[in-house]
Amino acid sequence: MQKKSIYKEELINLIESNRKKDLHIHTCFSDGELTPQQVVDRWAKEDYEVISVTDHDGIRGSEIAVDYASDKEIICIPGIEFDSVDSLAKDMHILGYGIDFNNKQLRKELRTVREWRDRRNRKLLKVLQALGYDIDWEDVIANSNGEYIGKPMFAMALFYKRYVKKPVDAFPEIFRKYEEIRSIKKEVLSSERVIEIIHNAGGLAVMAHPIEQRKINEGFAEFNQRLNIVLNKFLEYEIDGIECYHPSASKKQSEMLRKFAEENGLIVTRGSDFHVDNLNRNFSRYHTE
């Protein structure tokens, strides 16, 4: 197990404190709606004491939020959410807290991930055009600030061109409908490598929303058994914590995850996974009361 520094001990104490907190928030620097400044102001208005901006595969939004919150009555922990892949979990997201934004290895890996995503995006655009969808690159980037471009931006482009009634409809009606699109895979880092990167940047690595690992039509008993195997595998990778409280988890599931975390000396985190207002998520469930 990696040795905990004094800084990490302080970070753990902050994360596990009884302060009102939300440690999983997305901004317009990935696939969220609000700017980092709007997030800080809004969560402060709701009397949150500790937050973390955790944009997908990028740190710019978190950098801005941390700086903006520095003279306000709210603590903003540096954060990120990495996409990753593992033999036991094909689409595992890992949260990083307390990372050093200036860590050279972290920045290098993020540049690589951005190049991979851009390559996937270009392939996706060509396939959509070949299928008869009249969109171009300008339509896609019009829905991004340039820091992060992913499928949500394609969905917005398709929505504005009236191919779907709502942006979210693009996923079942277009992205998952065609084999040509389903076969386009984005390169991602391994889960073990992501945890190493976060640790090397001085941060804590936390498994995000494990309940979302449940497969379609998978029974609860079967899923719980498989999830237990995944959780134990990530202990070998030296994961630091589990996001036990998340919109995808029921109260019973959250308590099951908490029990596993406590039995294995892992930190327990919670977050709204906020992206846009119309998700209608009840924030009160995701902070320590």
Protein backbone atom coordinates (compact mmCIF):
# COMPACT_ATOMS: atom_id res chain seq x y z
CA MET A 1 0.00 0.00 0.00
CA GLN A 2 1.30 3.47 -0.83
CA LYS A 3 2.47 5.60 2.07
CA LYS A 4 0.13 8.47 2.95
CA SER A 5 1.73 11.92 3.15
CA ILE A 6 0.65 14.56 5.67
CA TYR A 7 -1.14 16.33 2.81
CA LYS A 8 -3.06 13.17 1.95
CA GLU A 9 -4.01 12.62 5.57
CA GLU A 10 -5.42 16.16 5.68
CA LEU A 11 -7.24 15.54 2.41
CA ILE A 12 -8.76 12.32 3.72
CA ASN A 13 -9.89 14.06 6.90
CA LEU A 14 -11.54 16.77 4.79
CA ILE A 15 -13.29 14.26 2.52
CA GLU A 16 -14.53 12.19 5.45
CA SER A 17 -15.57 15.17 7.58
CA ASN A 18 -19.19 15.95 8.39
CA ARG A 19 -19.12 19.07 6.26
CA LYS A 20 -21.76 19.43 3.58
CA LYS A 21 -20.04 18.36 0.37
CA ASP A 22 -20.40 17.34 -3.25
CA LEU A 23 -17.30 15.73 -4.71
CA HIS A 24 -18.45 14.96 -8.24
CA ILE A 25 -19.36 17.94 -10.41
CA HIS A 26 -18.92 18.54 -14.15
CA THR A 27 -18.58 21.91 -15.86
CA CYS A 28 -18.58 23.25 -19.41
CA PHE A 29 -14.95 22.15 -19.60
CA SER A 30 -16.22 18.62 -20.20
CA ASP A 31 -19.88 17.70 -20.70
CA GLY A 32 -21.43 19.94 -18.06
CA GLU A 33 -23.63 23.00 -18.44
CA LEU A 34 -22.21 25.53 -15.97
CA THR A 35 -18.91 27.37 -15.89
CA PRO A 36 -16.55 26.62 -12.98
CA GLN A 37 -17.37 30.02 -11.49
CA GLN A 38 -21.10 29.34 -11.69
CA VAL A 39 -20.60 26.00 -9.96
CA VAL A 40 -18.70 27.57 -7.07
CA ASP A 41 -21.25 30.35 -6.62
CA ARG A 42 -24.26 28.06 -6.88
CA TRP A 43 -22.96 25.40 -4.49
CA ALA A 44 -21.85 28.09 -2.03
CA LYS A 45 -25.36 29.56 -2.18
CA GLU A 46 -26.72 26.11 -1.31
CA ASP A 47 -24.46 26.14 1.79
CA TYR A 48 -22.02 23.50 0.56
CA GLU A 49 -18.72 23.66 2.39
CA VAL A 50 -16.58 21.32 0.26
CA ILE A 51 -16.83 20.60 -3.46
CA SER A 52 -14.71 19.17 -6.25
CA VAL A 53 -14.97 19.87 -9.97
CA THR A 54 -14.20 16.55 -11.67
CA ASP A 55 -14.36 17.03 -15.42
CA HIS A 56 -13.73 14.13 -17.77
CA ASP A 57 -10.06 13.63 -18.65
CA GLY A 58 -9.21 17.29 -18.07
CA ILE A 59 -8.18 19.68 -15.31
CA ARG A 60 -8.79 23.18 -16.68
CA GLY A 61 -12.27 23.49 -15.18
CA SER A 62 -11.02 22.34 -11.80
CA GLU A 63 -8.06 24.74 -11.95
CA ILE A 64 -10.41 27.66 -12.52
CA ALA A 65 -12.81 26.52 -9.79
CA VAL A 66 -10.04 26.09 -7.20
CA ASP A 67 -8.64 29.53 -7.96
CA TYR A 68 -12.07 31.19 -7.96
CA ALA A 69 -13.06 29.57 -4.65
CA SER A 70 -9.82 30.54 -2.90
CA ASP A 71 -11.27 33.70 -1.35
CA LYS A 72 -14.78 32.38 -0.75
CA GLU A 73 -16.47 30.50 2.08
CA ILE A 74 -16.21 27.16 0.28
CA ILE A 75 -13.35 24.70 -0.20
CA CYS A 76 -12.75 23.39 -3.71
CA ILE A 77 -10.60 20.26 -3.88
CA PRO A 78 -8.60 19.77 -7.10
CA GLY A 79 -10.27 16.97 -9.04
CA ILE A 80 -10.63 14.99 -12.25
CA GLU A 81 -12.60 12.02 -13.58
CA PHE A 82 -10.67 9.60 -15.78
CA ASP A 83 -12.22 7.13 -18.18
CA SER A 84 -10.47 3.77 -17.89
CA VAL A 85 -10.72 0.14 -18.91
CA ASP A 86 -10.02 -3.09 -17.07
CA SER A 87 -10.43 -6.76 -17.91
CA LEU A 88 -13.17 -6.94 -15.26
CA ALA A 89 -14.72 -3.51 -15.90
CA LYS A 90 -14.81 -2.26 -19.48
CA ASP A 91 -15.88 1.31 -18.70
CA MET A 92 -14.65 2.21 -15.24
CA HIS A 93 -14.45 5.86 -14.23
CA ILE A 94 -11.91 6.84 -11.61
CA LEU A 95 -11.97 10.09 -9.67
CA GLY A 96 -8.75 11.79 -8.64
CA TYR A 97 -8.71 14.19 -5.68
CA GLY A 98 -5.98 16.52 -4.47
CA ILE A 99 -3.91 16.14 -7.62
CA ASP A 100 -1.07 18.52 -8.45
CA PHE A 101 -2.23 20.36 -11.56
CA ASN A 102 1.39 21.03 -12.55
CA ASN A 103 2.50 17.40 -12.41
CA LYS A 104 4.33 16.78 -15.71
CA GLN A 105 3.33 13.14 -16.04
CA LEU A 106 -0.33 13.99 -15.46
CA ARG A 107 -0.29 16.68 -18.13
CA LYS A 108 1.51 14.39 -20.57
CA GLU A 109 -1.04 11.61 -20.09
CA LEU A 110 -3.92 14.06 -20.51
CA ARG A 111 -2.46 15.25 -23.82
CA THR A 112 -2.31 11.64 -24.99
CA VAL A 113 -5.91 11.01 -23.94
CA ARG A 114 -7.01 14.14 -25.79
CA GLU A 115 -5.25 12.92 -28.95
CA TRP A 116 -7.02 9.55 -28.64
CA ARG A 117 -10.39 11.24 -28.21
CA ASP A 118 -9.78 13.52 -31.19
CA ARG A 119 -8.92 10.52 -33.36
CA ARG A 120 -12.15 8.80 -32.31
CA ASN A 121 -14.14 11.97 -32.94
CA ARG A 122 -12.84 12.32 -36.49
CA LYS A 123 -13.79 8.71 -37.24
CA LEU A 124 -17.24 9.23 -35.75
CA LEU A 125 -17.84 12.33 -37.86
CA LYS A 126 -16.89 10.52 -41.07
CA VAL A 127 -19.22 7.62 -40.28
CA LEU A 128 -22.12 9.94 -39.44
CA GLN A 129 -21.61 11.80 -42.70
CA ALA A 130 -21.45 8.51 -44.62
CA LEU A 131 -24.77 7.51 -43.02
CA GLY A 132 -26.35 10.66 -44.39
CA TYR A 133 -26.25 12.99 -41.39
CA ASP A 134 -25.51 16.51 -42.57
CA ILE A 135 -23.15 17.74 -39.86
CA ASP A 136 -19.57 18.98 -40.05
CA TRP A 137 -16.78 19.62 -37.58
CA GLU A 138 -17.88 23.21 -37.03
CA ASP A 139 -21.31 21.99 -35.91
CA VAL A 140 -19.66 19.74 -33.33
CA ILE A 141 -17.18 22.20 -31.84
CA ALA A 142 -19.88 24.89 -31.67
CA ASN A 143 -21.12 23.03 -28.60
CA SER A 144 -17.72 22.89 -26.88
CA ASN A 145 -15.23 25.34 -25.42
CA GLY A 146 -12.48 23.35 -27.14
CA GLU A 147 -11.14 21.72 -23.98
CA TYR A 148 -13.29 18.60 -24.28
CA ILE A 149 -15.09 17.23 -27.32
CA GLY A 150 -17.05 14.02 -26.93
CA LYS A 151 -20.27 12.33 -27.97
CA PRO A 152 -22.44 14.84 -26.06
CA MET A 153 -21.24 17.52 -28.49
CA PHE A 154 -22.16 15.30 -31.45
CA ALA A 155 -25.56 14.75 -29.83
CA MET A 156 -26.07 18.51 -29.57
CA ALA A 157 -25.10 18.97 -33.23
CA LEU A 158 -27.60 16.29 -34.28
CA PHE A 159 -30.26 17.94 -32.12
CA TYR A 160 -29.72 21.38 -33.65
CA LYS A 161 -29.94 19.80 -37.11
CA ARG A 162 -33.29 18.29 -35.98
CA TYR A 163 -32.26 14.66 -36.38
CA VAL A 164 -33.42 13.98 -32.80
CA LYS A 165 -36.02 15.59 -30.54
CA LYS A 166 -33.62 15.83 -27.59
CA PRO A 167 -29.82 15.58 -27.46
CA VAL A 168 -30.01 12.50 -25.24
CA ASP A 169 -32.05 10.71 -27.91
CA ALA A 170 -29.00 10.61 -30.17
CA PHE A 171 -27.52 7.83 -28.05
CA PRO A 172 -30.23 5.15 -28.51
CA GLU A 173 -31.53 6.39 -31.86
CA ILE A 174 -28.20 6.94 -33.62
CA PHE A 175 -25.05 6.04 -31.69
CA ARG A 176 -26.28 2.63 -30.54
CA LYS A 177 -28.40 1.95 -33.61
CA TYR A 178 -25.65 1.55 -36.19
CA GLU A 179 -22.95 -1.11 -36.05
CA GLU A 180 -20.64 1.27 -37.92
CA ILE A 181 -20.82 3.65 -34.96
CA ARG A 182 -20.78 0.99 -32.23
CA SER A 183 -17.56 -0.41 -33.68
CA ILE A 184 -15.70 2.88 -33.21
CA LYS A 185 -13.77 2.48 -29.97
CA LYS A 186 -12.03 5.23 -28.07
CA GLU A 187 -8.60 4.35 -26.71
CA VAL A 188 -8.47 4.71 -22.94
CA LEU A 189 -5.94 4.16 -20.20
CA SER A 190 -6.06 1.04 -18.08
CA SER A 191 -7.59 1.41 -14.62
CA GLU A 192 -4.33 0.37 -12.98
CA ARG A 193 -2.42 3.01 -14.97
CA VAL A 194 -4.92 5.74 -14.07
CA ILE A 195 -4.52 4.99 -10.38
CA GLU A 196 -0.73 5.21 -10.79
CA ILE A 197 -1.05 8.57 -12.56
CA ILE A 198 -3.26 9.98 -9.80
CA HIS A 199 -0.91 8.74 -7.09
CA ASN A 200 2.13 10.11 -8.92
CA ALA A 201 0.37 13.48 -9.05
CA GLY A 202 -0.04 13.37 -5.27
CA GLY A 203 -3.74 12.55 -5.32
CA LEU A 204 -6.22 10.02 -4.04
CA ALA A 205 -7.86 7.61 -6.50
CA VAL A 206 -11.54 6.79 -5.99
CA MET A 207 -13.73 4.34 -7.91
CA ALA A 208 -16.63 6.34 -9.35
CA HIS A 209 -20.26 5.12 -9.28
CA PRO A 210 -19.54 1.34 -9.14
CA ILE A 211 -23.26 0.55 -9.42
CA GLU A 212 -23.20 1.78 -13.02
CA GLN A 213 -21.12 -1.30 -13.83
CA ARG A 214 -24.32 -3.35 -13.84
CA LYS A 215 -24.99 -4.81 -17.29
CA ILE A 216 -28.36 -4.72 -19.06
CA ASN A 217 -30.55 -7.64 -17.93
CA GLU A 218 -27.99 -8.67 -15.29
CA GLY A 219 -29.65 -9.97 -12.12
CA PHE A 220 -28.88 -8.30 -8.80
CA ALA A 221 -27.34 -11.42 -7.26
CA GLU A 222 -25.14 -11.98 -10.29
CA PHE A 223 -24.13 -8.31 -10.38
CA ASN A 224 -23.32 -8.15 -6.66
CA GLN A 225 -21.09 -11.19 -6.99
CA ARG A 226 -19.27 -9.71 -9.98
CA LEU A 227 -18.98 -6.30 -8.33
CA ASN A 228 -17.34 -7.86 -5.29
CA ILE A 229 -14.71 -9.40 -7.58
CA VAL A 230 -14.12 -6.01 -9.24
CA LEU A 231 -13.81 -4.22 -5.90
CA ASN A 232 -11.25 -6.72 -4.65
CA LYS A 233 -9.29 -6.40 -7.88
CA PHE A 234 -9.09 -2.65 -7.42
CA LEU A 235 -7.75 -3.17 -3.92
CA GLU A 236 -4.77 -4.81 -5.62
CA TYR A 237 -4.40 -1.66 -7.73
CA GLU A 238 -4.24 0.35 -4.48
CA ILE A 239 -7.46 2.27 -4.99
CA ASP A 240 -7.96 4.75 -2.14
CA GLY A 241 -11.72 4.96 -1.96
CA ILE A 242 -15.17 4.28 -3.35
CA GLU A 243 -17.90 6.71 -4.36
CA CYS A 244 -20.55 5.04 -2.22
CA TYR A 245 -23.23 7.72 -2.49
CA HIS A 246 -24.23 8.56 -6.07
CA PRO A 247 -27.55 8.96 -7.96
CA SER A 248 -27.16 5.49 -9.50
CA ALA A 249 -27.07 3.76 -6.11
CA SER A 250 -30.04 2.95 -3.91
CA LYS A 251 -29.76 3.46 -0.16
CA LYS A 252 -29.19 -0.28 0.29
CA GLN A 253 -26.48 -0.35 -2.38
CA SER A 254 -24.78 2.70 -0.90
CA GLU A 255 -24.63 1.06 2.51
CA MET A 256 -23.26 -2.13 0.95
CA LEU A 257 -20.48 -0.14 -0.72
CA ARG A 258 -19.80 1.77 2.50
CA LYS A 259 -19.46 -1.48 4.41
CA PHE A 260 -16.94 -2.82 1.88
CA ALA A 261 -14.98 0.45 2.01
CA GLU A 262 -14.84 0.55 5.79
CA GLU A 263 -13.86 -3.12 6.06
CA ASN A 264 -10.96 -2.50 3.68
CA GLY A 265 -9.73 0.83 4.99
CA LEU A 266 -10.98 2.85 2.01
CA ILE A 267 -12.36 6.37 2.09
CA VAL A 268 -16.05 6.91 1.41
CA THR A 269 -17.05 9.68 -0.99
CA ARG A 270 -20.28 11.06 -2.33
CA GLY A 271 -21.26 13.26 -5.25
CA SER A 272 -24.19 14.40 -7.36
CA ASP A 273 -22.37 13.79 -10.68
CA PHE A 274 -23.97 17.04 -11.77
CA HIS A 275 -23.96 17.81 -15.49
CA VAL A 276 -27.10 19.81 -16.31
CA ASP A 277 -30.14 21.05 -14.41
CA ASN A 278 -32.65 18.78 -16.10
CA LEU A 279 -31.16 15.70 -14.44
CA ASN A 280 -33.34 16.60 -11.43
CA ARG A 281 -30.94 15.07 -8.95
CA ASN A 282 -31.63 15.42 -5.25
CA PHE A 283 -28.42 16.91 -3.85
CA SER A 284 -29.34 16.19 -0.24
CA ARG A 285 -28.53 12.50 -0.63
CA TYR A 286 -24.93 13.10 -1.57
CA HIS A 287 -23.48 14.98 1.38
CA THR A 288 -22.84 13.93 4.92
CA GLU A 289 -25.80 15.02 6.98
